[in-house]
PDB file of N, CA and C in Angstrom:
ATOM      1  N   MET A   1      -1.722   8.384  -6.189  1.00  0.00           N
ATOM      2  CA  MET A   1      -2.797   8.940  -5.225  1.00  0.00           C
ATOM      3  C   MET A   1      -3.865   8.689  -5.342  1.00  0.00           C
ATOM      4  N   SER A   2      -4.745   8.448  -4.235  1.00  0.00           N
ATOM      5  CA  SER A   2      -6.108   8.008  -4.073  1.00  0.00           C
ATOM      6  C   SER A   2      -6.995   9.141  -4.377  1.00  0.00           C
ATOM      7  N   GLU A   3      -8.167   8.656  -5.040  1.00  0.00           N
ATOM      8  CA  GLU A   3      -9.268   9.427  -5.270  1.00  0.00           C
ATOM      9  C   GLU A   3      -9.882  10.024  -3.985  1.00  0.00           C
ATOM     10  N   GLY A   4     -10.456  11.428  -4.148  1.00  0.00           N
ATOM     11  CA  GLY A   4     -11.354  11.670  -2.896  1.00  0.00           C
ATOM     12  C   GLY A   4     -11.108  13.355  -2.908  1.00  0.00           C
ATOM     13  N   ALA A   5     -11.352  13.899  -1.735  1.00  0.00           N
ATOM     14  CA  ALA A   5     -11.384  15.319  -1.696  1.00  0.00           C
ATOM     15  C   ALA A   5      -9.977  15.852  -1.785  1.00  0.00           C
ATOM     16  N   PRO A   6     -10.100  17.011  -2.516  1.00  0.00           N
ATOM     17  CA  PRO A   6      -8.690  17.718  -2.580  1.00  0.00           C
ATOM     18  C   PRO A   6      -8.241  17.884  -1.082  1.00  0.00           C
ATOM     19  N   ALA A   7      -6.526  17.990  -1.178  1.00  0.00           N
ATOM     20  CA  ALA A   7      -6.022  18.163   0.044  1.00  0.00           C
ATOM     21  C   ALA A   7      -6.672  19.426   0.803  1.00  0.00           C
ATOM     22  N   GLY A   8      -7.127  19.513   2.092  1.00  0.00           N
ATOM     23  CA  GLY A   8      -7.469  20.784   2.639  1.00  0.00           C
ATOM     24  C   GLY A   8      -8.900  21.223   2.194  1.00  0.00           C
ATOM     25  N   ALA A   9      -9.588  20.410   1.601  1.00  0.00           N
ATOM     26  CA  ALA A   9     -11.132  20.551   1.323  1.00  0.00           C
ATOM     27  C   ALA A   9     -11.893  20.800   2.677  1.00  0.00           C
ATOM     28  N   ARG A  10     -12.967  21.726   2.801  1.00  0.00           N
ATOM     29  CA  ARG A  10     -13.416  21.869   3.942  1.00  0.00           C
ATOM     30  C   ARG A  10     -14.951  21.523   3.358  1.00  0.00           C
ATOM     31  N   VAL A  11     -15.701  20.837   4.258  1.00  0.00           N
ATOM     32  CA  VAL A  11     -16.996  20.383   4.258  1.00  0.00           C
ATOM     33  C   VAL A  11     -17.865  20.935   5.186  1.00  0.00           C
ATOM     34  N   HIS A  12     -18.987  21.464   5.261  1.00  0.00           N
ATOM     35  CA  HIS A  12     -19.678  22.181   6.204  1.00  0.00           C
ATOM     36  C   HIS A  12     -21.110  21.353   6.769  1.00  0.00           C
ATOM     37  N   ALA A  13     -21.030  20.117   6.720  1.00  0.00           N
ATOM     38  CA  ALA A  13     -21.942  19.217   7.041  1.00  0.00           C
ATOM     39  C   ALA A  13     -21.058  17.903   7.684  1.00  0.00           C
ATOM     40  N   ALA A  14     -21.776  17.216   8.705  1.00  0.00           N
ATOM     41  CA  ALA A  14     -21.046  15.990   9.315  1.00  0.00           C
ATOM     42  C   ALA A  14     -22.005  14.991   9.494  1.00  0.00           C
ATOM     43  N   PRO A  15     -21.850  13.670   9.300  1.00  0.00           N
ATOM     44  CA  PRO A  15     -22.900  12.614   9.540  1.00  0.00           C
ATOM     45  C   PRO A  15     -23.452  12.425  11.005  1.00  0.00           C
ATOM     46  N   ALA A  16     -24.500  12.013  11.139  1.00  0.00           N
ATOM     47  CA  ALA A  16     -25.150  11.453  12.472  1.00  0.00           C
ATOM     48  C   ALA A  16     -24.506  10.346  12.948  1.00  0.00           C
ATOM     49  N   GLY A  17     -24.699  10.310  14.131  1.00  0.00           N
ATOM     50  CA  GLY A  17     -24.013   9.099  14.858  1.00  0.00           C
ATOM     51  C   GLY A  17     -22.646   9.009  15.092  1.00  0.00           C
ATOM     52  N   VAL A  18     -21.750   9.935  15.243  1.00  0.00           N
ATOM     53  CA  VAL A  18     -20.564   9.930  15.385  1.00  0.00           C
ATOM     54  C   VAL A  18     -20.222  10.720  16.837  1.00  0.00           C
ATOM     55  N   THR A  19     -19.559   9.797  17.660  1.00  0.00           N
ATOM     56  CA  THR A  19     -19.669   9.960  18.939  1.00  0.00           C
ATOM     57  C   THR A  19     -18.153  10.938  19.178  1.00  0.00           C
ATOM     58  N   LEU A  20     -18.535  12.086  19.604  1.00  0.00           N
ATOM     59  CA  LEU A  20     -17.195  13.221  19.934  1.00  0.00           C
ATOM     60  C   LEU A  20     -16.410  12.709  21.070  1.00  0.00           C
ATOM     61  N   ALA A  21     -16.961  12.763  22.244  1.00  0.00           N
ATOM     62  CA  ALA A  21     -16.201  12.952  23.402  1.00  0.00           C
ATOM     63  C   ALA A  21     -17.208  12.805  24.701  1.00  0.00           C
ATOM     64  N   PRO A  22     -16.669  12.425  25.651  1.00  0.00           N
ATOM     65  CA  PRO A  22     -17.555  12.447  26.724  1.00  0.00           C
ATOM     66  C   PRO A  22     -18.188  13.606  27.201  1.00  0.00           C
ATOM     67  N   LEU A  23     -19.127  13.817  27.954  1.00  0.00           N
ATOM     68  CA  LEU A  23     -19.511  15.226  28.343  1.00  0.00           C
ATOM     69  C   LEU A  23     -18.688  15.913  29.115  1.00  0.00           C
ATOM     70  N   ALA A  24     -18.088  15.315  30.142  1.00  0.00           N
ATOM     71  CA  ALA A  24     -17.077  15.863  31.022  1.00  0.00           C
ATOM     72  C   ALA A  24     -15.738  16.386  30.294  1.00  0.00           C
ATOM     73  N   ALA A  25     -15.794  16.162  28.828  1.00  0.00           N
ATOM     74  CA  ALA A  25     -14.572  16.519  28.426  1.00  0.00           C
ATOM     75  C   ALA A  25     -14.586  17.807  28.110  1.00  0.00           C
ATOM     76  N   ILE A  26     -15.647  18.731  28.155  1.00  0.00           N
ATOM     77  CA  ILE A  26     -15.981  20.102  28.144  1.00  0.00           C
ATOM     78  C   ILE A  26     -16.451  20.515  29.241  1.00  0.00           C
ATOM     79  N   ALA A  27     -15.873  21.496  30.032  1.00  0.00           N
ATOM     80  CA  ALA A  27     -16.015  22.186  31.181  1.00  0.00           C
ATOM     81  C   ALA A  27     -17.409  22.882  31.128  1.00  0.00           C
ATOM     82  N   ASP A  28     -18.173  22.809  32.089  1.00  0.00           N
ATOM     83  CA  ASP A  28     -19.761  23.698  32.016  1.00  0.00           C
ATOM     84  C   ASP A  28     -19.200  24.887  31.732  1.00  0.00           C
ATOM     85  N   GLY A  29     -20.176  25.803  30.801  1.00  0.00           N
ATOM     86  CA  GLY A  29     -19.619  27.060  30.574  1.00  0.00           C
ATOM     87  C   GLY A  29     -18.482  27.171  29.463  1.00  0.00           C
ATOM     88  N   ALA A  30     -18.012  26.095  28.885  1.00  0.00           N
ATOM     89  CA  ALA A  30     -16.933  26.116  27.948  1.00  0.00           C
ATOM     90  C   ALA A  30     -17.254  25.698  26.359  1.00  0.00           C
ATOM     91  N   ALA A  31     -16.397  25.649  25.758  1.00  0.00           N
ATOM     92  CA  ALA A  31     -16.432  25.282  24.263  1.00  0.00           C
ATOM     93  C   ALA A  31     -15.352  24.294  23.725  1.00  0.00           C
ATOM     94  N   ARG A  32     -15.313  23.805  22.848  1.00  0.00           N
ATOM     95  CA  ARG A  32     -14.191  22.948  22.246  1.00  0.00           C
ATOM     96  C   ARG A  32     -14.767  22.599  20.890  1.00  0.00           C
ATOM     97  N   ASN A  33     -13.380  22.669  20.123  1.00  0.00           N
ATOM     98  CA  ASN A  33     -13.439  22.623  18.822  1.00  0.00           C
ATOM     99  C   ASN A  33     -13.513  21.014  18.310  1.00  0.00           C
ATOM    100  N   PHE A  34     -13.827  20.883  17.448  1.00  0.00           N
ATOM    101  CA  PHE A  34     -13.858  19.229  16.770  1.00  0.00           C
ATOM    102  C   PHE A  34     -13.364  19.383  15.348  1.00  0.00           C
ATOM    103  N   VAL A  35     -12.788  18.408  15.048  1.00  0.00           N
ATOM    104  CA  VAL A  35     -12.420  18.399  13.433  1.00  0.00           C
ATOM    105  C   VAL A  35     -12.602  16.775  12.812  1.00  0.00           C
ATOM    106  N   LEU A  36     -13.587  16.569  12.111  1.00  0.00           N
ATOM    107  CA  LEU A  36     -13.744  15.321  11.693  1.00  0.00           C
ATOM    108  C   LEU A  36     -13.253  15.251  10.189  1.00  0.00           C
ATOM    109  N   GLN A  37     -12.515  14.019   9.998  1.00  0.00           N
ATOM    110  CA  GLN A  37     -11.700  13.728   8.492  1.00  0.00           C
ATOM    111  C   GLN A  37     -12.921  12.824   7.838  1.00  0.00           C
ATOM    112  N   LEU A  38     -13.533  13.663   7.164  1.00  0.00           N
ATOM    113  CA  LEU A  38     -14.408  12.754   5.991  1.00  0.00           C
ATOM    114  C   LEU A  38     -13.998  12.615   4.975  1.00  0.00           C
ATOM    115  N   ARG A  39     -14.555  11.556   4.009  1.00  0.00           N
ATOM    116  CA  ARG A  39     -14.199  11.281   2.728  1.00  0.00           C
ATOM    117  C   ARG A  39     -14.245  12.328   1.769  1.00  0.00           C
ATOM    118  N   ALA A  40     -15.211  13.332   2.026  1.00  0.00           N
ATOM    119  CA  ALA A  40     -15.108  14.510   1.267  1.00  0.00           C
ATOM    120  C   ALA A  40     -14.319  15.550   1.654  1.00  0.00           C
ATOM    121  N   GLY A  41     -13.703  15.434   2.647  1.00  0.00           N
ATOM    122  CA  GLY A  41     -12.750  16.529   3.321  1.00  0.00           C
ATOM    123  C   GLY A  41     -13.168  16.650   4.831  1.00  0.00           C
ATOM    124  N   ARG A  42     -12.598  17.838   5.389  1.00  0.00           N
ATOM    125  CA  ARG A  42     -12.707  18.085   6.927  1.00  0.00           C
ATOM    126  C   ARG A  42     -13.564  18.881   7.231  1.00  0.00           C
ATOM    127  N   PHE A  43     -14.239  18.431   8.283  1.00  0.00           N
ATOM    128  CA  PHE A  43     -15.659  19.199   8.842  1.00  0.00           C
ATOM    129  C   PHE A  43     -14.996  19.892   9.994  1.00  0.00           C
ATOM    130  N   HIS A  44     -15.307  21.229  10.157  1.00  0.00           N
ATOM    131  CA  HIS A  44     -14.664  21.928  11.604  1.00  0.00           C
ATOM    132  C   HIS A  44     -15.927  22.275  12.301  1.00  0.00           C
ATOM    133  N   GLY A  45     -16.212  21.960  13.209  1.00  0.00           N
ATOM    134  CA  GLY A  45     -17.230  22.454  14.166  1.00  0.00           C
ATOM    135  C   GLY A  45     -17.150  22.591  15.686  1.00  0.00           C
ATOM    136  N   PHE A  46     -17.800  23.090  16.508  1.00  0.00           N
ATOM    137  CA  PHE A  46     -17.411  23.277  18.044  1.00  0.00           C
ATOM    138  C   PHE A  46     -18.737  22.992  18.696  1.00  0.00           C
ATOM    139  N   VAL A  47     -18.506  22.768  19.970  1.00  0.00           N
ATOM    140  CA  VAL A  47     -19.567  22.439  20.853  1.00  0.00           C
ATOM    141  C   VAL A  47     -19.452  23.216  22.090  1.00  0.00           C
ATOM    142  N   VAL A  48     -20.700  23.998  22.564  1.00  0.00           N
ATOM    143  CA  VAL A  48     -20.504  24.489  23.621  1.00  0.00           C
ATOM    144  C   VAL A  48     -21.483  23.775  24.623  1.00  0.00           C
ATOM    145  N   ARG A  49     -21.110  23.689  25.916  1.00  0.00           N
ATOM    146  CA  ARG A  49     -21.571  22.975  26.861  1.00  0.00           C
ATOM    147  C   ARG A  49     -22.353  23.853  28.154  1.00  0.00           C
ATOM    148  N   ARG A  50     -23.534  23.845  28.203  1.00  0.00           N
ATOM    149  CA  ARG A  50     -24.195  24.508  29.280  1.00  0.00           C
ATOM    150  C   ARG A  50     -25.060  23.626  30.312  1.00  0.00           C
ATOM    151  N   GLY A  51     -24.367  23.156  31.286  1.00  0.00           N
ATOM    152  CA  GLY A  51     -24.952  22.266  32.224  1.00  0.00           C
ATOM    153  C   GLY A  51     -25.095  20.756  31.455  1.00  0.00           C
ATOM    154  N   ASP A  52     -25.988  20.221  31.462  1.00  0.00           N
ATOM    155  CA  ASP A  52     -26.201  19.091  30.655  1.00  0.00           C
ATOM    156  C   ASP A  52     -26.560  19.076  29.397  1.00  0.00           C
ATOM    157  N   GLU A  53     -26.771  20.235  28.802  1.00  0.00           N
ATOM    158  CA  GLU A  53     -27.068  20.468  27.364  1.00  0.00           C
ATOM    159  C   GLU A  53     -25.905  21.144  26.722  1.00  0.00           C
ATOM    160  N   VAL A  54     -25.761  20.820  25.249  1.00  0.00           N
ATOM    161  CA  VAL A  54     -24.506  20.861  24.311  1.00  0.00           C
ATOM    162  C   VAL A  54     -25.307  21.727  23.302  1.00  0.00           C
ATOM    163  N   PHE A  55     -24.441  22.717  22.517  1.00  0.00           N
ATOM    164  CA  PHE A  55     -25.049  23.287  21.567  1.00  0.00           C
ATOM    165  C   PHE A  55     -23.923  23.213  20.486  1.00  0.00           C
ATOM    166  N   GLY A  56     -24.061  22.906  19.152  1.00  0.00           N
ATOM    167  CA  GLY A  56     -23.144  22.576  17.896  1.00  0.00           C
ATOM    168  C   GLY A  56     -23.325  23.760  16.959  1.00  0.00           C
ATOM    169  N   TYR A  57     -22.145  24.098  16.360  1.00  0.00           N
ATOM    170  CA  TYR A  57     -22.129  24.882  15.272  1.00  0.00           C
ATOM    171  C   TYR A  57     -21.243  24.572  14.356  1.00  0.00           C
ATOM    172  N   VAL A  58     -21.181  24.697  13.162  1.00  0.00           N
ATOM    173  CA  VAL A  58     -20.007  24.844  12.074  1.00  0.00           C
ATOM    174  C   VAL A  58     -19.180  25.970  12.569  1.00  0.00           C
ATOM    175  N   ASP A  59     -17.843  25.796  12.582  1.00  0.00           N
ATOM    176  CA  ASP A  59     -17.015  26.610  12.919  1.00  0.00           C
ATOM    177  C   ASP A  59     -16.790  27.580  11.572  1.00  0.00           C
ATOM    178  N   ARG A  60     -17.751  28.610  11.415  1.00  0.00           N
ATOM    179  CA  ARG A  60     -17.770  28.978  10.247  1.00  0.00           C
ATOM    180  C   ARG A  60     -18.480  30.639  10.326  1.00  0.00           C
ATOM    181  N   CYS A  61     -18.079  31.579  10.569  1.00  0.00           N
ATOM    182  CA  CYS A  61     -18.646  32.901  10.707  1.00  0.00           C
ATOM    183  C   CYS A  61     -19.384  33.277   9.473  1.00  0.00           C
ATOM    184  N   PRO A  62     -20.775  33.714   9.933  1.00  0.00           N
ATOM    185  CA  PRO A  62     -21.619  34.016   8.623  1.00  0.00           C
ATOM    186  C   PRO A  62     -21.347  35.078   7.943  1.00  0.00           C
ATOM    187  N   HIS A  63     -20.634  36.046   8.572  1.00  0.00           N
ATOM    188  CA  HIS A  63     -20.226  37.515   7.902  1.00  0.00           C
ATOM    189  C   HIS A  63     -18.946  37.356   7.047  1.00  0.00           C
ATOM    190  N   ALA A  64     -17.843  36.630   7.314  1.00  0.00           N
ATOM    191  CA  ALA A  64     -16.541  36.443   6.435  1.00  0.00           C
ATOM    192  C   ALA A  64     -16.068  35.102   6.176  1.00  0.00           C
ATOM    193  N   GLY A  65     -16.885  34.166   6.656  1.00  0.00           N
ATOM    194  CA  GLY A  65     -16.654  32.780   6.062  1.00  0.00           C
ATOM    195  C   GLY A  65     -15.547  31.924   6.977  1.00  0.00           C
ATOM    196  N   LEU A  66     -14.860  32.805   7.999  1.00  0.00           N
ATOM    197  CA  LEU A  66     -13.451  32.514   8.491  1.00  0.00           C
ATOM    198  C   LEU A  66     -14.030  31.422   9.836  1.00  0.00           C
ATOM    199  N   PRO A  67     -13.015  30.728  10.240  1.00  0.00           N
ATOM    200  CA  PRO A  67     -13.249  29.931  11.678  1.00  0.00           C
ATOM    201  C   PRO A  67     -13.555  31.040  12.589  1.00  0.00           C
ATOM    202  N   LEU A  68     -14.333  30.832  13.648  1.00  0.00           N
ATOM    203  CA  LEU A  68     -14.785  31.788  14.730  1.00  0.00           C
ATOM    204  C   LEU A  68     -13.466  32.338  15.435  1.00  0.00           C
ATOM    205  N   ALA A  69     -12.768  31.140  16.222  1.00  0.00           N
ATOM    206  CA  ALA A  69     -11.785  31.395  16.962  1.00  0.00           C
ATOM    207  C   ALA A  69     -10.297  31.300  16.512  1.00  0.00           C
ATOM    208  N   GLN A  70      -9.542  32.439  16.876  1.00  0.00           N
ATOM    209  CA  GLN A  70      -8.111  32.463  16.238  1.00  0.00           C
ATOM    210  C   GLN A  70      -7.123  31.470  17.128  1.00  0.00           C
ATOM    211  N   VAL A  71      -7.526  31.108  18.201  1.00  0.00           N
ATOM    212  CA  VAL A  71      -7.052  30.541  19.397  1.00  0.00           C
ATOM    213  C   VAL A  71      -8.078  29.017  19.569  1.00  0.00           C
ATOM    214  N   LEU A  72      -7.286  28.084  19.515  1.00  0.00           N
ATOM    215  CA  LEU A  72      -8.047  26.744  19.944  1.00  0.00           C
ATOM    216  C   LEU A  72      -9.016  26.783  21.054  1.00  0.00           C
ATOM    217  N   ASP A  73     -10.185  26.531  20.773  1.00  0.00           N
ATOM    218  CA  ASP A  73     -11.282  26.456  21.897  1.00  0.00           C
ATOM    219  C   ASP A  73     -11.578  27.742  22.451  1.00  0.00           C
ATOM    220  N   ASP A  74     -11.313  28.732  21.913  1.00  0.00           N
ATOM    221  CA  ASP A  74     -11.627  30.421  22.376  1.00  0.00           C
ATOM    222  C   ASP A  74     -12.827  30.679  21.677  1.00  0.00           C
ATOM    223  N   TYR A  75     -13.876  30.160  21.979  1.00  0.00           N
ATOM    224  CA  TYR A  75     -15.174  30.800  21.559  1.00  0.00           C
ATOM    225  C   TYR A  75     -16.060  31.582  22.056  1.00  0.00           C
ATOM    226  N   LEU A  76     -15.962  31.533  23.445  1.00  0.00           N
ATOM    227  CA  LEU A  76     -16.812  32.231  24.222  1.00  0.00           C
ATOM    228  C   LEU A  76     -16.069  33.449  24.978  1.00  0.00           C
ATOM    229  N   VAL A  77     -17.257  34.689  24.926  1.00  0.00           N
ATOM    230  CA  VAL A  77     -16.887  35.698  26.149  1.00  0.00           C
ATOM    231  C   VAL A  77     -18.260  36.029  26.320  1.00  0.00           C
ATOM    232  N   ALA A  78     -18.249  36.457  27.674  1.00  0.00           N
ATOM    233  CA  ALA A  78     -19.311  37.309  28.225  1.00  0.00           C
ATOM    234  C   ALA A  78     -20.593  36.153  28.049  1.00  0.00           C
ATOM    235  N   GLY A  79     -20.593  34.920  28.192  1.00  0.00           N
ATOM    236  CA  GLY A  79     -21.505  34.051  28.078  1.00  0.00           C
ATOM    237  C   GLY A  79     -22.005  33.924  26.512  1.00  0.00           C
ATOM    238  N   HIS A  80     -21.144  34.489  25.666  1.00  0.00           N
ATOM    239  CA  HIS A  80     -21.897  34.425  24.140  1.00  0.00           C
ATOM    240  C   HIS A  80     -20.611  33.774  23.409  1.00  0.00           C
ATOM    241  N   VAL A  81     -20.821  33.292  22.000  1.00  0.00           N
ATOM    242  CA  VAL A  81     -20.149  32.939  21.151  1.00  0.00           C
ATOM    243  C   VAL A  81     -19.584  34.096  20.569  1.00  0.00           C
ATOM    244  N   ARG A  82     -18.148  34.258  20.155  1.00  0.00           N
ATOM    245  CA  ARG A  82     -17.535  35.411  19.741  1.00  0.00           C
ATOM    246  C   ARG A  82     -16.923  35.047  18.504  1.00  0.00           C
ATOM    247  N   CYS A  83     -16.889  35.801  17.610  1.00  0.00           N
ATOM    248  CA  CYS A  83     -15.989  35.869  16.208  1.00  0.00           C
ATOM    249  C   CYS A  83     -14.880  36.641  16.615  1.00  0.00           C
ATOM    250  N   SER A  84     -13.705  36.098  16.656  1.00  0.00           N
ATOM    251  CA  SER A  84     -12.681  36.658  17.240  1.00  0.00           C
ATOM    252  C   SER A  84     -12.025  37.803  15.986  1.00  0.00           C
ATOM    253  N   TRP A  85     -12.424  37.608  15.016  1.00  0.00           N
ATOM    254  CA  TRP A  85     -12.093  38.381  13.770  1.00  0.00           C
ATOM    255  C   TRP A  85     -12.566  39.761  13.883  1.00  0.00           C
ATOM    256  N   HIS A  86     -13.994  39.425  13.801  1.00  0.00           N
ATOM    257  CA  HIS A  86     -14.562  40.897  13.966  1.00  0.00           C
ATOM    258  C   HIS A  86     -15.375  41.356  15.181  1.00  0.00           C
ATOM    259  N   GLY A  87     -15.411  40.091  16.051  1.00  0.00           N
ATOM    260  CA  GLY A  87     -16.366  40.775  17.400  1.00  0.00           C
ATOM    261  C   GLY A  87     -17.588  40.282  17.176  1.00  0.00           C
ATOM    262  N   ALA A  88     -17.979  39.634  16.300  1.00  0.00           N
ATOM    263  CA  ALA A  88     -19.616  39.627  16.535  1.00  0.00           C
ATOM    264  C   ALA A  88     -20.019  38.334  17.472  1.00  0.00           C
ATOM    265  N   LEU A  89     -21.261  38.812  17.934  1.00  0.00           N
ATOM    266  CA  LEU A  89     -21.527  38.106  19.153  1.00  0.00           C
ATOM    267  C   LEU A  89     -22.788  37.163  18.883  1.00  0.00           C
ATOM    268  N   PHE A  90     -22.901  35.906  19.373  1.00  0.00           N
ATOM    269  CA  PHE A  90     -23.965  35.050  18.781  1.00  0.00           C
ATOM    270  C   PHE A  90     -24.472  34.377  20.086  1.00  0.00           C
ATOM    271  N   VAL A  91     -25.931  34.266  20.395  1.00  0.00           N
ATOM    272  CA  VAL A  91     -26.388  33.618  21.370  1.00  0.00           C
ATOM    273  C   VAL A  91     -26.106  32.088  21.491  1.00  0.00           C
ATOM    274  N   VAL A  92     -25.732  31.384  22.378  1.00  0.00           N
ATOM    275  CA  VAL A  92     -25.200  30.248  22.339  1.00  0.00           C
ATOM    276  C   VAL A  92     -26.438  29.144  21.892  1.00  0.00           C
ATOM    277  N   GLU A  93     -27.804  29.659  22.605  1.00  0.00           N
ATOM    278  CA  GLU A  93     -28.719  28.742  22.365  1.00  0.00           C
ATOM    279  C   GLU A  93     -29.288  28.532  20.965  1.00  0.00           C
ATOM    280  N   ASP A  94     -29.186  29.658  20.044  1.00  0.00           N
ATOM    281  CA  ASP A  94     -29.601  29.552  18.819  1.00  0.00           C
ATOM    282  C   ASP A  94     -28.877  30.005  17.853  1.00  0.00           C
ATOM    283  N   GLY A  95     -27.771  30.527  18.177  1.00  0.00           N
ATOM    284  CA  GLY A  95     -26.552  30.979  16.975  1.00  0.00           C
ATOM    285  C   GLY A  95     -27.050  32.271  16.512  1.00  0.00           C
ATOM    286  N   VAL A  96     -27.978  32.913  17.114  1.00  0.00           N
ATOM    287  CA  VAL A  96     -28.161  34.282  16.371  1.00  0.00           C
ATOM    288  C   VAL A  96     -27.289  35.462  16.384  1.00  0.00           C
ATOM    289  N   CYS A  97     -26.753  36.183  15.692  1.00  0.00           N
ATOM    290  CA  CYS A  97     -25.770  37.311  16.043  1.00  0.00           C
ATOM    291  C   CYS A  97     -26.385  38.463  16.203  1.00  0.00           C
ATOM    292  N   ILE A  98     -26.061  39.094  17.802  1.00  0.00           N
ATOM    293  CA  ILE A  98     -26.730  40.191  18.406  1.00  0.00           C
ATOM    294  C   ILE A  98     -25.848  41.211  18.426  1.00  0.00           C
ATOM    295  N   ALA A  99     -24.450  41.311  18.036  1.00  0.00           N
ATOM    296  CA  ALA A  99     -23.726  42.358  17.782  1.00  0.00           C
ATOM    297  C   ALA A  99     -22.674  42.100  16.728  1.00  0.00           C
ATOM    298  N   GLY A 100     -22.229  43.110  16.186  1.00  0.00           N
ATOM    299  CA  GLY A 100     -21.141  43.225  15.233  1.00  0.00           C
ATOM    300  C   GLY A 100     -21.439  43.196  13.795  1.00  0.00           C
ATOM    301  N   PRO A 101     -20.855  42.956  12.923  1.00  0.00           N
ATOM    302  CA  PRO A 101     -21.199  42.995  11.331  1.00  0.00           C
ATOM    303  C   PRO A 101     -22.213  42.180  10.688  1.00  0.00           C
ATOM    304  N   CYS A 102     -22.557  41.342  11.191  1.00  0.00           N
ATOM    305  CA  CYS A 102     -23.613  40.533  10.748  1.00  0.00           C
ATOM    306  C   CYS A 102     -25.074  40.247  11.620  1.00  0.00           C
ATOM    307  N   VAL A 103     -25.357  41.260  12.616  1.00  0.00           N
ATOM    308  CA  VAL A 103     -26.435  41.323  13.469  1.00  0.00           C
ATOM    309  C   VAL A 103     -27.687  40.551  12.385  1.00  0.00           C
ATOM    310  N   GLY A 104     -28.418  39.658  13.358  1.00  0.00           N
ATOM    311  CA  GLY A 104     -29.391  39.016  12.551  1.00  0.00           C
ATOM    312  C   GLY A 104     -29.258  37.724  11.943  1.00  0.00           C
ATOM    313  N   ALA A 105     -27.760  37.647  11.487  1.00  0.00           N
ATOM    314  CA  ALA A 105     -27.493  36.286  10.888  1.00  0.00           C
ATOM    315  C   ALA A 105     -27.434  35.265  11.758  1.00  0.00           C
ATOM    316  N   ARG A 106     -27.233  33.948  11.518  1.00  0.00           N
ATOM    317  CA  ARG A 106     -27.012  33.016  12.286  1.00  0.00           C
ATOM    318  C   ARG A 106     -25.993  32.084  11.916  1.00  0.00           C
ATOM    319  N   LEU A 107     -25.295  31.463  13.019  1.00  0.00           N
ATOM    320  CA  LEU A 107     -24.306  30.216  12.652  1.00  0.00           C
ATOM    321  C   LEU A 107     -24.929  29.141  12.346  1.00  0.00           C
ATOM    322  N   ALA A 108     -24.272  28.395  11.652  1.00  0.00           N
ATOM    323  CA  ALA A 108     -24.961  26.915  10.909  1.00  0.00           C
ATOM    324  C   ALA A 108     -24.686  26.150  11.952  1.00  0.00           C
ATOM    325  N   VAL A 109     -25.956  25.719  12.448  1.00  0.00           N
ATOM    326  CA  VAL A 109     -26.278  24.509  13.367  1.00  0.00           C
ATOM    327  C   VAL A 109     -25.468  23.091  13.186  1.00  0.00           C
ATOM    328  N   TRP A 110     -24.917  22.696  14.062  1.00  0.00           N
ATOM    329  CA  TRP A 110     -24.234  21.190  13.859  1.00  0.00           C
ATOM    330  C   TRP A 110     -25.232  20.750  15.018  1.00  0.00           C
ATOM    331  N   PRO A 111     -26.172  19.755  14.679  1.00  0.00           N
ATOM    332  CA  PRO A 111     -27.061  18.917  15.419  1.00  0.00           C
ATOM    333  C   PRO A 111     -26.124  17.917  16.140  1.00  0.00           C
ATOM    334  N   VAL A 112     -26.203  18.226  17.544  1.00  0.00           N
ATOM    335  CA  VAL A 112     -25.347  17.371  18.455  1.00  0.00           C
ATOM    336  C   VAL A 112     -26.289  17.150  19.773  1.00  0.00           C
ATOM    337  N   THR A 113     -25.833  16.054  20.447  1.00  0.00           N
ATOM    338  CA  THR A 113     -26.938  15.662  21.523  1.00  0.00           C
ATOM    339  C   THR A 113     -26.145  15.035  22.732  1.00  0.00           C
ATOM    340  N   VAL A 114     -26.480  14.786  23.952  1.00  0.00           N
ATOM    341  CA  VAL A 114     -25.878  13.948  24.925  1.00  0.00           C
ATOM    342  C   VAL A 114     -26.715  12.630  24.971  1.00  0.00           C
ATOM    343  N   ARG A 115     -25.829  11.585  24.866  1.00  0.00           N
ATOM    344  CA  ARG A 115     -26.560  10.139  24.824  1.00  0.00           C
ATOM    345  C   ARG A 115     -25.640   9.379  25.888  1.00  0.00           C
ATOM    346  N   ASP A 116     -26.206   8.908  27.117  1.00  0.00           N
ATOM    347  CA  ASP A 116     -25.357   8.186  28.055  1.00  0.00           C
ATOM    348  C   ASP A 116     -24.183   8.714  28.283  1.00  0.00           C
ATOM    349  N   GLY A 117     -24.167   9.989  28.420  1.00  0.00           N
ATOM    350  CA  GLY A 117     -22.930  10.865  28.911  1.00  0.00           C
ATOM    351  C   GLY A 117     -21.949  11.080  28.024  1.00  0.00           C
ATOM    352  N   LEU A 118     -22.249  10.897  26.459  1.00  0.00           N
ATOM    353  CA  LEU A 118     -21.327  11.031  25.567  1.00  0.00           C
ATOM    354  C   LEU A 118     -22.167  12.263  24.671  1.00  0.00           C
ATOM    355  N   ILE A 119     -21.228  12.921  24.166  1.00  0.00           N
ATOM    356  CA  ILE A 119     -21.773  13.929  23.052  1.00  0.00           C
ATOM    357  C   ILE A 119     -21.756  13.148  21.691  1.00  0.00           C
ATOM    358  N   VAL A 120     -22.909  13.225  21.067  1.00  0.00           N
ATOM    359  CA  VAL A 120     -22.928  12.609  19.839  1.00  0.00           C
ATOM    360  C   VAL A 120     -23.333  13.484  18.793  1.00  0.00           C
ATOM    361  N   THR A 121     -23.153  13.286  17.311  1.00  0.00           N
ATOM    362  CA  THR A 121     -23.772  14.074  16.253  1.00  0.00           C
ATOM    363  C   THR A 121     -25.156  13.592  15.882  1.00  0.00           C
ATOM    364  N   GLY A 122     -26.049  14.363  15.618  1.00  0.00           N
ATOM    365  CA  GLY A 122     -27.263  14.111  15.480  1.00  0.00           C
ATOM    366  C   GLY A 122     -27.716  14.156  13.984  1.00  0.00           C
TER     367      GLY A 122
END
């Protein structure tokens, strides 16, 4: 057995410069989950698209530490990011919780940008 991360280890940061997908792979106003297999373990994040802008977050609720979506890519409701476990709502542009059990807390930002039509980690 090779050395490295324990099976199923989850990390909460990802390296810069990783090309995730073309911008067109996420519909405007939608979100998409990404899982990166790193040497230290798996990173789980998601990207929300608003026009030509993207906003990335670590897929982890600040209230309970769970992934936000119970259904793949089901992160948005009424224009906000939603934790499907407890109903917390977060502002897409800055990750601040505005409703639910963790008002005032923030999602952990996953720096992403659009470069030459591709979504890239920052």
